[in-house]
Amino acid sequence: MTLQNAAHLEGRINAHRRLLVELLSVVAAIPEAREALLAMARDNETVIDHEEDPGVEPDAAFAAQQIADDEIRAIVKAAMARLETRM
């Protein structure tokens, strides 16, 4: 991937994230939706404890899922912060 393609991709991903944060902040104004979003941020889809043994070094699938969980939490947190600024 060229540097120009990487910058283009990063710009598009950032735009999608900004739109998603804004949309979620609007949706979070609905109490039931806010609870669902907070539950989603609390829930962890990554396998933990003894549920599945990833071995000594977790493989890429475990790492990717952890990154996804972290990003969900960050997006919901940003949406809640944006909602708070409106209230």
N, C-alpha and C. Protein backbone atom coordinates (compact mmCIF):
# COMPACT_ATOMS: atom_id res chain seq x y z
N MET A 1 0.84 -1.17 0.00
CA MET A 1 0.00 0.00 0.00
C MET A 1 0.89 1.23 0.00
N THR A 2 0.60 2.13 -0.88
CA THR A 2 1.40 3.35 -0.94
C THR A 2 1.01 4.29 0.19
N LEU A 3 1.89 5.24 0.46
CA LEU A 3 1.63 6.23 1.51
C LEU A 3 0.38 7.02 1.21
N GLN A 4 0.18 7.37 -0.06
CA GLN A 4 -1.01 8.13 -0.44
C GLN A 4 -2.28 7.31 -0.21
N ASN A 5 -2.25 6.02 -0.56
CA ASN A 5 -3.41 5.16 -0.34
C ASN A 5 -3.68 5.00 1.15
N ALA A 6 -2.63 4.86 1.95
CA ALA A 6 -2.79 4.72 3.40
C ALA A 6 -3.41 5.98 3.99
N ALA A 7 -2.96 7.15 3.55
CA ALA A 7 -3.52 8.41 4.05
C ALA A 7 -4.98 8.55 3.64
N HIS A 8 -5.29 8.14 2.42
CA HIS A 8 -6.67 8.19 1.94
C HIS A 8 -7.56 7.27 2.79
N LEU A 9 -7.09 6.07 3.03
CA LEU A 9 -7.84 5.12 3.85
C LEU A 9 -8.01 5.63 5.27
N GLU A 10 -6.95 6.17 5.85
CA GLU A 10 -7.04 6.70 7.21
C GLU A 10 -8.04 7.86 7.28
N GLY A 11 -8.03 8.72 6.30
CA GLY A 11 -8.98 9.83 6.27
C GLY A 11 -10.42 9.34 6.20
N ARG A 12 -10.66 8.34 5.40
CA ARG A 12 -12.02 7.79 5.29
C ARG A 12 -12.45 7.12 6.58
N ILE A 13 -11.56 6.37 7.21
CA ILE A 13 -11.89 5.72 8.47
C ILE A 13 -12.21 6.76 9.54
N ASN A 14 -11.41 7.82 9.60
CA ASN A 14 -11.66 8.89 10.58
C ASN A 14 -13.01 9.56 10.33
N ALA A 15 -13.36 9.77 9.07
CA ALA A 15 -14.66 10.37 8.75
C ALA A 15 -15.80 9.46 9.21
N HIS A 16 -15.67 8.16 8.96
CA HIS A 16 -16.71 7.22 9.40
C HIS A 16 -16.84 7.22 10.92
N ARG A 17 -15.72 7.28 11.60
CA ARG A 17 -15.74 7.28 13.07
C ARG A 17 -16.43 8.54 13.59
N ARG A 18 -16.10 9.70 13.01
CA ARG A 18 -16.73 10.95 13.44
C ARG A 18 -18.23 10.92 13.22
N LEU A 19 -18.66 10.41 12.06
CA LEU A 19 -20.09 10.29 11.80
C LEU A 19 -20.76 9.34 12.79
N LEU A 20 -20.11 8.22 13.06
CA LEU A 20 -20.67 7.24 13.99
C LEU A 20 -20.81 7.82 15.39
N VAL A 21 -19.79 8.53 15.85
CA VAL A 21 -19.86 9.16 17.18
C VAL A 21 -21.02 10.14 17.23
N GLU A 22 -21.17 10.96 16.21
CA GLU A 22 -22.27 11.93 16.18
C GLU A 22 -23.62 11.24 16.18
N LEU A 23 -23.79 10.24 15.35
CA LEU A 23 -25.06 9.51 15.30
C LEU A 23 -25.38 8.84 16.63
N LEU A 24 -24.38 8.21 17.22
CA LEU A 24 -24.61 7.55 18.51
C LEU A 24 -24.93 8.56 19.61
N SER A 25 -24.36 9.74 19.54
CA SER A 25 -24.68 10.74 20.56
C SER A 25 -26.13 11.20 20.43
N VAL A 26 -26.64 11.26 19.21
CA VAL A 26 -28.05 11.62 19.00
C VAL A 26 -28.95 10.49 19.49
N VAL A 27 -28.61 9.27 19.15
CA VAL A 27 -29.41 8.12 19.57
C VAL A 27 -29.38 7.96 21.09
N ALA A 28 -28.24 8.26 21.70
CA ALA A 28 -28.09 8.10 23.16
C ALA A 28 -28.97 9.06 23.95
N ALA A 29 -29.54 10.05 23.29
CA ALA A 29 -30.48 10.95 23.98
C ALA A 29 -31.76 10.20 24.36
N ILE A 30 -32.01 9.07 23.73
CA ILE A 30 -33.16 8.22 24.08
C ILE A 30 -32.70 7.31 25.22
N PRO A 31 -33.34 7.39 26.39
CA PRO A 31 -32.86 6.63 27.56
C PRO A 31 -32.65 5.13 27.31
N GLU A 32 -33.58 4.49 26.62
CA GLU A 32 -33.44 3.04 26.37
C GLU A 32 -32.23 2.76 25.47
N ALA A 33 -32.04 3.62 24.49
CA ALA A 33 -30.90 3.46 23.59
C ALA A 33 -29.60 3.71 24.34
N ARG A 34 -29.59 4.69 25.23
CA ARG A 34 -28.39 4.98 26.01
C ARG A 34 -28.00 3.76 26.84
N GLU A 35 -28.97 3.14 27.47
CA GLU A 35 -28.68 1.94 28.26
C GLU A 35 -28.11 0.82 27.40
N ALA A 36 -28.65 0.65 26.21
CA ALA A 36 -28.15 -0.38 25.30
C ALA A 36 -26.71 -0.09 24.88
N LEU A 37 -26.42 1.18 24.60
CA LEU A 37 -25.06 1.55 24.21
C LEU A 37 -24.08 1.36 25.37
N LEU A 38 -24.49 1.75 26.56
CA LEU A 38 -23.62 1.57 27.72
C LEU A 38 -23.38 0.08 28.00
N ALA A 39 -24.41 -0.74 27.81
CA ALA A 39 -24.25 -2.18 27.98
C ALA A 39 -23.28 -2.73 26.94
N MET A 40 -23.37 -2.23 25.73
CA MET A 40 -22.46 -2.68 24.67
C MET A 40 -21.02 -2.32 25.03
N ALA A 41 -20.83 -1.15 25.61
CA ALA A 41 -19.48 -0.73 26.01
C ALA A 41 -18.97 -1.56 27.18
N ARG A 42 -19.86 -1.99 28.05
CA ARG A 42 -19.47 -2.81 29.20
C ARG A 42 -19.14 -4.23 28.80
N ASP A 43 -19.94 -4.77 27.88
CA ASP A 43 -19.76 -6.16 27.47
C ASP A 43 -18.44 -6.34 26.76
N ASN A 44 -17.87 -7.50 26.96
CA ASN A 44 -16.58 -7.79 26.38
C ASN A 44 -16.74 -9.02 25.51
N GLU A 45 -16.53 -8.86 24.22
CA GLU A 45 -16.66 -10.00 23.32
C GLU A 45 -15.39 -10.83 23.25
N THR A 46 -14.33 -10.32 23.82
CA THR A 46 -13.08 -11.06 23.83
C THR A 46 -13.19 -12.20 24.82
N VAL A 47 -12.72 -13.35 24.45
CA VAL A 47 -12.73 -14.50 25.33
C VAL A 47 -11.84 -14.20 26.54
N ILE A 48 -12.38 -14.47 27.72
CA ILE A 48 -11.62 -14.19 28.94
C ILE A 48 -11.51 -15.44 29.80
N ASP A 49 -10.61 -15.39 30.75
CA ASP A 49 -10.39 -16.44 31.73
C ASP A 49 -10.22 -17.80 31.06
N HIS A 50 -11.01 -18.75 31.48
CA HIS A 50 -10.84 -20.13 31.05
C HIS A 50 -11.78 -20.50 29.90
N GLU A 51 -12.53 -19.52 29.34
CA GLU A 51 -13.52 -19.85 28.32
C GLU A 51 -12.90 -20.52 27.10
N GLU A 52 -11.75 -20.05 26.72
CA GLU A 52 -11.04 -20.65 25.60
C GLU A 52 -9.58 -20.33 25.80
N ASP A 53 -8.75 -21.30 25.65
CA ASP A 53 -7.33 -21.09 25.91
C ASP A 53 -6.63 -20.61 24.65
N PRO A 54 -6.17 -19.34 24.65
CA PRO A 54 -5.49 -18.84 23.47
C PRO A 54 -4.04 -19.31 23.37
N GLY A 55 -3.57 -20.03 24.38
CA GLY A 55 -2.18 -20.46 24.37
C GLY A 55 -1.30 -19.42 25.02
N VAL A 56 -0.01 -19.66 24.98
CA VAL A 56 0.95 -18.75 25.60
C VAL A 56 0.89 -17.39 24.92
N GLU A 57 0.86 -17.38 23.60
CA GLU A 57 0.77 -16.14 22.85
C GLU A 57 -0.53 -16.16 22.04
N PRO A 58 -1.47 -15.27 22.40
CA PRO A 58 -2.73 -15.24 21.65
C PRO A 58 -2.47 -14.98 20.16
N ASP A 59 -3.28 -15.61 19.33
CA ASP A 59 -3.09 -15.41 17.89
C ASP A 59 -3.74 -14.10 17.44
N ALA A 60 -3.64 -13.82 16.19
CA ALA A 60 -4.12 -12.55 15.62
C ALA A 60 -5.62 -12.37 15.82
N ALA A 61 -6.39 -13.46 15.82
CA ALA A 61 -7.84 -13.33 16.01
C ALA A 61 -8.17 -12.75 17.38
N PHE A 62 -7.46 -13.19 18.41
CA PHE A 62 -7.70 -12.65 19.74
C PHE A 62 -7.28 -11.19 19.81
N ALA A 63 -6.17 -10.85 19.20
CA ALA A 63 -5.69 -9.46 19.20
C ALA A 63 -6.67 -8.56 18.45
N ALA A 64 -7.16 -9.01 17.32
CA ALA A 64 -8.10 -8.22 16.52
C ALA A 64 -9.40 -8.00 17.29
N GLN A 65 -9.87 -9.00 17.99
CA GLN A 65 -11.11 -8.86 18.76
C GLN A 65 -10.92 -7.88 19.91
N GLN A 66 -9.77 -7.92 20.56
CA GLN A 66 -9.50 -6.97 21.64
C GLN A 66 -9.45 -5.55 21.11
N ILE A 67 -8.85 -5.36 19.95
CA ILE A 67 -8.80 -4.04 19.33
C ILE A 67 -10.22 -3.56 19.02
N ALA A 68 -11.06 -4.45 18.50
CA ALA A 68 -12.45 -4.09 18.19
C ALA A 68 -13.21 -3.71 19.46
N ASP A 69 -13.04 -4.50 20.53
CA ASP A 69 -13.70 -4.18 21.80
C ASP A 69 -13.26 -2.81 22.31
N ASP A 70 -11.98 -2.54 22.24
CA ASP A 70 -11.45 -1.25 22.70
C ASP A 70 -12.01 -0.10 21.86
N GLU A 71 -12.13 -0.31 20.57
CA GLU A 71 -12.65 0.74 19.69
C GLU A 71 -14.13 1.00 19.95
N ILE A 72 -14.89 -0.05 20.20
CA ILE A 72 -16.32 0.12 20.53
C ILE A 72 -16.44 0.97 21.79
N ARG A 73 -15.65 0.63 22.79
CA ARG A 73 -15.70 1.41 24.04
C ARG A 73 -15.32 2.87 23.80
N ALA A 74 -14.30 3.10 23.01
CA ALA A 74 -13.86 4.47 22.74
C ALA A 74 -14.93 5.26 21.98
N ILE A 75 -15.59 4.63 21.03
CA ILE A 75 -16.63 5.31 20.26
C ILE A 75 -17.83 5.64 21.15
N VAL A 76 -18.26 4.67 21.95
CA VAL A 76 -19.40 4.92 22.86
C VAL A 76 -19.04 6.00 23.87
N LYS A 77 -17.83 5.96 24.41
CA LYS A 77 -17.40 6.98 25.36
C LYS A 77 -17.41 8.36 24.71
N ALA A 78 -16.92 8.47 23.50
CA ALA A 78 -16.92 9.74 22.78
C ALA A 78 -18.34 10.23 22.52
N ALA A 79 -19.23 9.30 22.17
CA ALA A 79 -20.63 9.66 21.92
C ALA A 79 -21.29 10.17 23.20
N MET A 80 -21.02 9.51 24.32
CA MET A 80 -21.60 9.94 25.59
C MET A 80 -21.06 11.31 26.01
N ALA A 81 -19.79 11.54 25.77
CA ALA A 81 -19.21 12.84 26.08
C ALA A 81 -19.83 13.93 25.23
N ARG A 82 -20.06 13.63 23.96
CA ARG A 82 -20.69 14.61 23.07
C ARG A 82 -22.12 14.88 23.51
N LEU A 83 -22.84 13.84 23.93
CA LEU A 83 -24.20 14.01 24.43
C LEU A 83 -24.20 14.90 25.66
N GLU A 84 -23.26 14.69 26.56
CA GLU A 84 -23.18 15.50 27.78
C GLU A 84 -22.97 16.98 27.47
N THR A 85 -22.25 17.29 26.42
CA THR A 85 -22.04 18.70 26.07
C THR A 85 -23.32 19.36 25.57
N ARG A 86 -24.25 18.56 25.09
CA ARG A 86 -25.52 19.10 24.61
C ARG A 86 -26.54 19.29 25.72
N MET A 87 -26.36 18.60 26.81
CA MET A 87 -27.37 18.63 27.89
C MET A 87 -27.16 19.81 28.80
